[in-house]
Amino acid sequence: MTQKLLETLFFRVFDNPILARRHDGAVLETGAKRLAFTTDSYVVDPLFFPGGDIGELAVYGTVNDLAVCGAEPRWISAGFIIEEGLPMEVLARVAASMRRAADRAGVSIVTGDTKVVPRGRGDGIFINTAGVGIVPEGVEIDPAGARPGDVVIINGPIADHGIAIMALREGLDFETPVVSDTAPLHTLAAAVLQTCPTTRVLRDPTRGGVASALNEIARASSVGIVLDETSVPVRDAVRGACEILGFDPLYVANEGKLIVIAPGDAAGKIVERMRELPEGRESCAIGMVTSEHPGTVVMRTLIGGTRIVDMMSGEQLPRIC
C-alpha cells in the first residue's frame, strides 16, 4: 500500500527528473561537485531495543541512505517531535546516542528543530533527519543499473532488526538473543566502490526487507533476479522466530545490511574485500541477475523448485524503523 501511495500520488504530483530516479536519496549537480541529499523519519516503538535505539537508528539510517547513493556522508539535520510528558532522561539518552552514532560515522549534526505535541499525540518521540554527502568523481550508482550476468551480494544474515523488535514486543525469549543489526554502512560501501568502481547498484533493504528492495531494482532495471535459498543467510533464532510469528525473513526489515549488485567477474573480489571489514565479515553472494522474467524476482528453493518472490502485500511489521 505504501508503494501504491508513492506511485499514484507523490511521484505523480512531485514529478521531476531527479525524483524519477527513485534512489534512496537525490544526487545533485552543484558545479564541480555532486551532492547526495536524503531525508527520513523514525517512529520506532519501543524507543530502545536489543542492539540499538531510535537515536542511533536515525543517524545510521541517514548515513546508509547516503552511502548507497555512492556518497561520503558529511552532515545531518535532526528534527524532534516530542510528546508532552516525555521524561527528560529519555530525551537526553536519545540525544547522547545520536552523538555517539554521529561520531562513529564521522558526520556532524549541524542543524535541527524541536516541536512539542500534546500528550497522547506523539508516542514519545519521533525523529526526522536529512543528510548531505559528497559523491566522489566517477561513482555512478543507479537503481536501474542492474544488468544480466551481475551477481547479488549481501553483507550478512537478514531480518535481525525486525525480529529483535517484534520479539521484544511479543515477549519471546531465545536461547541465543536476537539483536538488531543497526550499523553504519558507509565504510563498507566505499570499500566496495574502491574494489569495483563499476558496481551497478547499492541498496540498504530496510522496510520491506530484501524482497522489496530486489523487486524495486528488478522493475527499475527491467531484468529478472534469481535468488538461491541455500545461499540467503538467516540466523537460526531469527528463522525460528519467523516461523512462530508467521513471517518470511525476506520481507523483514534490516538496518545494517547492504545489497550490492555488481558485474559477475568482480563478485569474488568484492566479497573478499567486504569480509575484511567488521560490517561485512559474513558477506556472500545470494543470487544472479538474468534477462529472463524481467521485473520479477524468483527463488530457487531448498527442494529444487522455484517460487516467485513478489513485493510485500500489506504490512507485516509496523513501527520498526
Protein backbone atom coordinates (compact mmCIF):
# COMPACT_ATOMS: atom_id res chain seq x y z
CA MET A 1 0.00 0.00 0.00
CA THR A 2 2.90 2.34 0.70
CA GLN A 3 4.34 1.63 -2.75
CA LYS A 4 0.94 2.27 -4.31
CA LEU A 5 0.69 5.58 -2.43
CA LEU A 6 4.07 6.65 -3.79
CA GLU A 7 3.20 5.64 -7.35
CA THR A 8 -0.29 7.14 -7.51
CA LEU A 9 0.25 10.31 -5.50
CA PHE A 10 3.71 11.56 -4.55
CA PHE A 11 5.70 10.51 -7.63
CA ARG A 12 2.95 11.88 -9.86
CA VAL A 13 2.46 15.20 -8.05
CA PHE A 14 6.16 15.92 -7.43
CA ASP A 15 7.43 14.50 -10.74
CA ASN A 16 10.87 15.75 -11.86
CA PRO A 17 13.98 14.10 -13.40
CA ILE A 18 15.85 13.81 -10.08
CA LEU A 19 12.93 12.25 -8.19
CA ALA A 20 12.22 9.96 -11.14
CA ARG A 21 15.46 8.06 -10.45
CA ARG A 22 13.83 6.75 -7.25
CA HIS A 23 17.12 6.47 -5.40
CA ASP A 24 17.45 6.32 -1.59
CA GLY A 25 18.48 9.96 -1.92
CA ALA A 26 18.82 12.62 -4.58
CA VAL A 27 22.16 13.10 -6.37
CA LEU A 28 22.50 16.79 -7.21
CA GLU A 29 24.90 18.55 -9.58
CA THR A 30 26.49 21.62 -7.96
CA GLY A 31 29.18 22.89 -10.27
CA ALA A 32 32.32 20.80 -9.94
CA LYS A 33 30.90 18.58 -7.17
CA ARG A 34 27.95 16.26 -6.81
CA LEU A 35 25.99 16.13 -3.58
CA ALA A 36 23.72 13.37 -2.28
CA PHE A 37 20.73 14.55 -0.25
CA THR A 38 18.31 12.35 1.69
CA THR A 39 15.61 12.58 4.36
CA ASP A 40 13.83 10.08 6.60
CA SER A 41 11.59 9.86 9.66
CA TYR A 42 11.92 7.42 12.54
CA VAL A 43 8.92 6.28 14.56
CA VAL A 44 10.16 3.02 16.06
CA ASP A 45 8.36 1.50 19.05
CA PRO A 46 9.86 0.73 21.53
CA LEU A 47 12.41 3.55 21.57
CA PHE A 48 15.13 1.26 22.97
CA PHE A 49 15.62 -2.29 21.74
CA PRO A 50 18.31 -5.01 21.76
CA GLY A 51 21.22 -3.69 19.73
CA GLY A 52 20.13 -0.07 19.38
CA ASP A 53 17.63 2.73 19.90
CA ILE A 54 15.73 5.35 17.92
CA GLY A 55 18.58 7.88 18.11
CA GLU A 56 21.24 5.54 16.78
CA LEU A 57 18.80 4.27 14.17
CA ALA A 58 18.10 7.82 12.93
CA VAL A 59 21.78 8.62 12.41
CA TYR A 60 22.79 5.32 10.86
CA GLY A 61 19.70 5.17 8.65
CA THR A 62 20.53 8.59 7.21
CA VAL A 63 24.20 7.71 6.77
CA ASN A 64 23.25 4.50 4.98
CA ASP A 65 20.86 6.20 2.57
CA LEU A 66 23.72 8.49 1.56
CA ALA A 67 26.18 5.61 1.33
CA VAL A 68 24.02 3.64 -1.11
CA CYS A 69 23.98 6.70 -3.36
CA GLY A 70 27.74 6.27 -3.51
CA ALA A 71 28.33 9.33 -1.30
CA GLU A 72 30.64 10.10 1.60
CA PRO A 73 28.22 11.21 4.39
CA ARG A 74 29.09 14.60 5.91
CA TRP A 75 26.22 16.49 7.56
CA ILE A 76 22.89 15.65 9.19
CA SER A 77 19.91 17.63 10.46
CA ALA A 78 17.69 16.38 13.29
CA GLY A 79 14.09 17.36 13.88
CA PHE A 80 12.41 16.16 17.10
CA ILE A 81 8.65 15.85 17.57
CA ILE A 82 8.34 15.32 21.32
CA GLU A 83 5.22 14.26 23.15
CA GLU A 84 4.33 16.27 26.22
CA GLY A 85 5.37 14.32 29.30
CA LEU A 86 8.35 12.52 27.79
CA PRO A 87 10.89 12.19 30.63
CA MET A 88 13.92 14.42 30.14
CA GLU A 89 16.22 11.50 30.92
CA VAL A 90 14.77 9.60 27.94
CA LEU A 91 15.33 12.57 25.64
CA ALA A 92 18.87 13.00 26.97
CA ARG A 93 19.60 9.31 26.42
CA VAL A 94 18.38 9.51 22.82
CA ALA A 95 20.43 12.65 22.13
CA ALA A 96 23.57 11.11 23.63
CA SER A 97 23.08 8.00 21.49
CA MET A 98 22.78 10.17 18.37
CA ARG A 99 26.02 11.95 19.22
CA ARG A 100 27.88 8.66 19.67
CA ALA A 101 26.49 7.34 16.40
CA ALA A 102 27.43 10.53 14.55
CA ASP A 103 30.96 10.38 15.95
CA ARG A 104 31.31 6.75 14.88
CA ALA A 105 30.05 7.54 11.38
CA GLY A 106 32.18 10.67 11.03
CA VAL A 107 29.25 13.02 10.45
CA SER A 108 28.12 16.20 12.21
CA ILE A 109 24.59 17.07 13.31
CA VAL A 110 24.63 20.69 12.14
CA THR A 111 21.04 21.92 12.34
CA GLY A 112 17.64 20.86 13.61
CA ASP A 113 14.27 21.69 15.09
CA THR A 114 12.07 20.77 18.05
CA LYS A 115 8.30 20.65 18.34
CA VAL A 116 6.18 19.53 21.30
CA VAL A 117 2.76 17.98 20.72
CA PRO A 118 0.05 17.39 23.35
CA ARG A 119 0.16 14.28 25.49
CA GLY A 120 -1.19 11.24 23.65
CA ARG A 121 -0.42 12.56 20.16
CA GLY A 122 3.27 11.82 19.71
CA ASP A 123 4.02 8.33 21.05
CA GLY A 124 7.04 9.57 22.99
CA ILE A 125 9.28 10.93 20.29
CA PHE A 126 9.53 10.96 16.51
CA ILE A 127 12.78 11.98 14.78
CA ASN A 128 13.12 13.39 11.28
CA THR A 129 16.54 13.64 9.68
CA ALA A 130 18.08 14.95 6.50
CA GLY A 131 21.59 14.17 5.33
CA VAL A 132 24.09 15.57 2.85
CA GLY A 133 27.12 13.79 1.42
CA ILE A 134 29.65 14.23 -1.35
CA VAL A 135 29.67 11.84 -4.31
CA PRO A 136 33.25 11.11 -5.46
CA GLU A 137 34.14 11.68 -9.09
CA GLY A 138 33.45 8.66 -11.27
CA VAL A 139 30.94 6.99 -8.94
CA GLU A 140 27.69 6.18 -10.77
CA ILE A 141 25.25 4.18 -8.66
CA ASP A 142 21.91 3.75 -10.41
CA PRO A 143 18.82 1.92 -9.03
CA ALA A 144 18.07 0.98 -12.64
CA GLY A 145 21.61 -0.17 -13.36
CA ALA A 146 21.40 -3.96 -12.86
CA ARG A 147 22.40 -5.98 -15.94
CA PRO A 148 22.13 -9.68 -16.85
CA GLY A 149 25.18 -11.55 -15.57
CA ASP A 150 25.53 -9.38 -12.47
CA VAL A 151 25.78 -11.01 -9.05
CA VAL A 152 23.69 -10.09 -5.98
CA ILE A 153 25.74 -9.85 -2.76
CA ILE A 154 24.71 -9.14 0.83
CA ASN A 155 26.89 -8.48 3.88
CA GLY A 156 25.35 -10.97 6.29
CA PRO A 157 22.23 -12.55 7.83
CA ILE A 158 18.92 -10.85 7.16
CA ALA A 159 15.87 -9.91 9.29
CA ASP A 160 17.74 -9.35 12.57
CA HIS A 161 16.36 -5.84 13.17
CA GLY A 162 12.69 -6.54 12.59
CA ILE A 163 12.70 -9.74 14.62
CA ALA A 164 14.65 -8.14 17.50
CA ILE A 165 11.90 -5.55 17.88
CA MET A 166 8.99 -7.94 17.36
CA ALA A 167 10.45 -10.47 19.81
CA LEU A 168 10.71 -7.73 22.42
CA ARG A 169 7.09 -6.71 21.85
CA GLU A 170 5.82 -10.26 21.99
CA GLY A 171 7.97 -11.26 24.97
CA LEU A 172 9.73 -14.04 23.08
CA ASP A 173 12.87 -15.49 24.66
CA PHE A 174 15.53 -17.29 22.67
CA GLU A 175 18.49 -19.36 23.73
CA THR A 176 20.57 -17.07 21.51
CA PRO A 177 19.32 -13.45 21.85
CA VAL A 178 18.22 -11.72 18.64
CA VAL A 179 19.89 -8.31 18.35
CA SER A 180 19.25 -5.54 15.83
CA ASP A 181 21.84 -5.22 13.07
CA THR A 182 21.75 -1.40 13.21
CA ALA A 183 25.10 -0.15 11.87
CA PRO A 184 26.64 2.46 9.58
CA LEU A 185 27.45 1.10 6.13
CA HIS A 186 29.40 3.97 4.54
CA THR A 187 32.84 2.40 5.09
CA LEU A 188 31.65 -0.91 3.63
CA ALA A 189 30.05 0.81 0.62
CA ALA A 190 33.22 2.82 0.00
CA ALA A 191 35.30 -0.38 0.10
CA VAL A 192 33.00 -1.98 -2.48
CA LEU A 193 33.37 1.01 -4.80
CA GLN A 194 37.15 1.05 -4.40
CA THR A 195 37.27 -2.66 -5.25
CA CYS A 196 34.85 -2.39 -8.16
CA PRO A 197 34.26 1.15 -9.46
CA THR A 198 31.72 -0.27 -11.94
CA THR A 199 29.43 -1.56 -9.18
CA ARG A 200 25.89 -1.12 -10.55
CA VAL A 201 23.56 -0.82 -7.56
CA LEU A 202 23.82 -0.38 -3.79
CA ARG A 203 20.75 -0.64 -1.58
CA ASP A 204 20.02 -0.96 2.14
CA PRO A 205 16.98 -3.25 2.46
CA THR A 206 15.16 -1.57 5.34
CA ARG A 207 11.36 -1.52 5.44
CA GLY A 208 10.03 -4.28 3.19
CA GLY A 209 13.28 -6.23 3.50
CA VAL A 210 15.42 -7.86 0.84
CA ALA A 211 12.45 -8.98 -1.24
CA SER A 212 11.01 -5.49 -1.68
CA ALA A 213 14.41 -3.94 -2.43
CA LEU A 214 15.22 -6.51 -5.10
CA ASN A 215 11.78 -6.21 -6.68
CA GLU A 216 12.25 -2.46 -6.98
CA ILE A 217 15.65 -2.97 -8.61
CA ALA A 218 14.34 -5.66 -10.99
CA ARG A 219 11.47 -3.46 -12.13
CA ALA A 220 13.57 -0.32 -12.50
CA SER A 221 16.26 -2.21 -14.45
CA SER A 222 13.86 -4.38 -16.50
CA VAL A 223 15.74 -7.52 -15.52
CA GLY A 224 14.99 -10.70 -13.62
CA ILE A 225 16.70 -11.70 -10.38
CA VAL A 226 17.18 -15.30 -9.24
CA LEU A 227 17.93 -15.96 -5.56
CA ASP A 228 19.34 -19.20 -4.18
CA GLU A 229 17.54 -20.11 -0.95
CA THR A 230 20.51 -22.13 0.27
CA SER A 231 22.72 -19.02 -0.01
CA VAL A 232 20.46 -16.46 1.70
CA PRO A 233 21.82 -16.18 5.28
CA VAL A 234 19.33 -16.22 8.17
CA ARG A 235 20.30 -16.85 11.81
CA ASP A 236 18.66 -19.90 13.38
CA ALA A 237 16.98 -17.85 16.11
CA VAL A 238 15.59 -15.42 13.54
CA ARG A 239 14.34 -18.23 11.34
CA GLY A 240 12.65 -19.83 14.34
CA ALA A 241 11.01 -16.55 15.35
CA CYS A 242 9.75 -16.03 11.81
CA GLU A 243 8.19 -19.48 11.85
CA ILE A 244 6.50 -18.78 15.19
CA LEU A 245 5.21 -15.36 14.09
CA GLY A 246 4.35 -16.35 10.52
CA PHE A 247 6.83 -14.06 8.76
CA ASP A 248 9.08 -14.59 5.76
CA PRO A 249 12.63 -13.34 6.56
CA LEU A 250 12.92 -11.92 3.05
CA TYR A 251 10.29 -9.29 3.90
CA VAL A 252 11.51 -8.35 7.39
CA ALA A 253 13.33 -5.02 7.86
CA ASN A 254 17.08 -4.70 8.21
CA GLU A 255 19.08 -1.69 9.43
CA GLY A 256 22.65 -2.82 8.83
CA LYS A 257 22.51 -4.73 5.58
CA LEU A 258 23.95 -3.74 2.22
CA ILE A 259 22.84 -5.22 -1.07
CA VAL A 260 25.48 -4.98 -3.79
CA ILE A 261 24.79 -5.71 -7.46
CA ALA A 262 27.99 -5.83 -9.49
CA PRO A 263 29.43 -7.47 -12.61
CA GLY A 264 29.87 -11.20 -12.16
CA ASP A 265 33.60 -11.18 -12.84
CA ALA A 266 34.16 -8.83 -9.87
CA ALA A 267 31.94 -10.64 -7.35
CA GLY A 268 34.68 -12.75 -5.79
CA LYS A 269 36.95 -9.77 -5.15
CA ILE A 270 34.07 -7.74 -3.73
CA VAL A 271 33.04 -10.46 -1.26
CA GLU A 272 36.65 -10.96 -0.24
CA ARG A 273 37.10 -7.22 0.42
CA MET A 274 33.79 -6.93 2.29
CA ARG A 275 34.76 -9.78 4.60
CA GLU A 276 37.81 -7.80 5.72
CA LEU A 277 35.58 -5.22 7.43
CA PRO A 278 33.56 -5.70 10.65
CA GLU A 279 30.25 -4.91 8.94
CA GLY A 280 30.96 -7.39 6.15
CA ARG A 281 32.51 -10.46 7.75
CA GLU A 282 29.58 -12.67 6.77
CA SER A 283 29.22 -11.34 3.22
CA CYS A 284 28.16 -13.76 0.49
CA ALA A 285 26.61 -13.95 -2.96
CA ILE A 286 22.91 -14.82 -2.87
CA GLY A 287 21.75 -14.60 -6.47
CA MET A 288 22.15 -13.57 -10.09
CA VAL A 289 20.65 -11.06 -12.48
CA THR A 290 19.13 -12.56 -15.60
CA SER A 291 17.44 -11.42 -18.82
CA GLU A 292 14.62 -13.88 -18.14
CA HIS A 293 11.31 -12.87 -16.47
CA PRO A 294 12.15 -9.11 -16.45
CA GLY A 295 10.77 -7.22 -13.47
CA THR A 296 10.40 -10.38 -11.39
CA VAL A 297 12.38 -11.92 -8.53
CA VAL A 298 12.31 -15.70 -8.13
CA MET A 299 13.77 -18.06 -5.55
CA ARG A 300 15.32 -21.45 -6.21
CA THR A 301 14.10 -23.35 -3.16
CA LEU A 302 15.75 -25.92 -0.92
CA ILE A 303 13.77 -28.73 -2.55
CA GLY A 304 14.79 -27.73 -6.07
CA GLY A 305 11.67 -25.85 -7.09
CA THR A 306 11.15 -22.20 -7.97
CA ARG A 307 8.79 -19.66 -6.43
CA ILE A 308 8.08 -16.02 -7.17
CA VAL A 309 9.26 -13.54 -4.53
CA ASP A 310 6.80 -10.69 -5.05
CA MET A 311 6.50 -7.26 -3.44
CA MET A 312 5.19 -7.45 0.11
CA SER A 313 1.41 -7.17 0.34
CA GLY A 314 0.19 -5.45 3.49
CA GLU A 315 2.43 -4.59 6.41
CA GLN A 316 3.96 -7.42 8.41
CA LEU A 317 5.88 -5.44 10.99
CA PRO A 318 4.53 -1.93 11.70
CA ARG A 319 6.61 0.67 13.55
CA ILE A 320 10.02 -0.96 13.24
CA CYS A 321 12.02 1.90 11.80
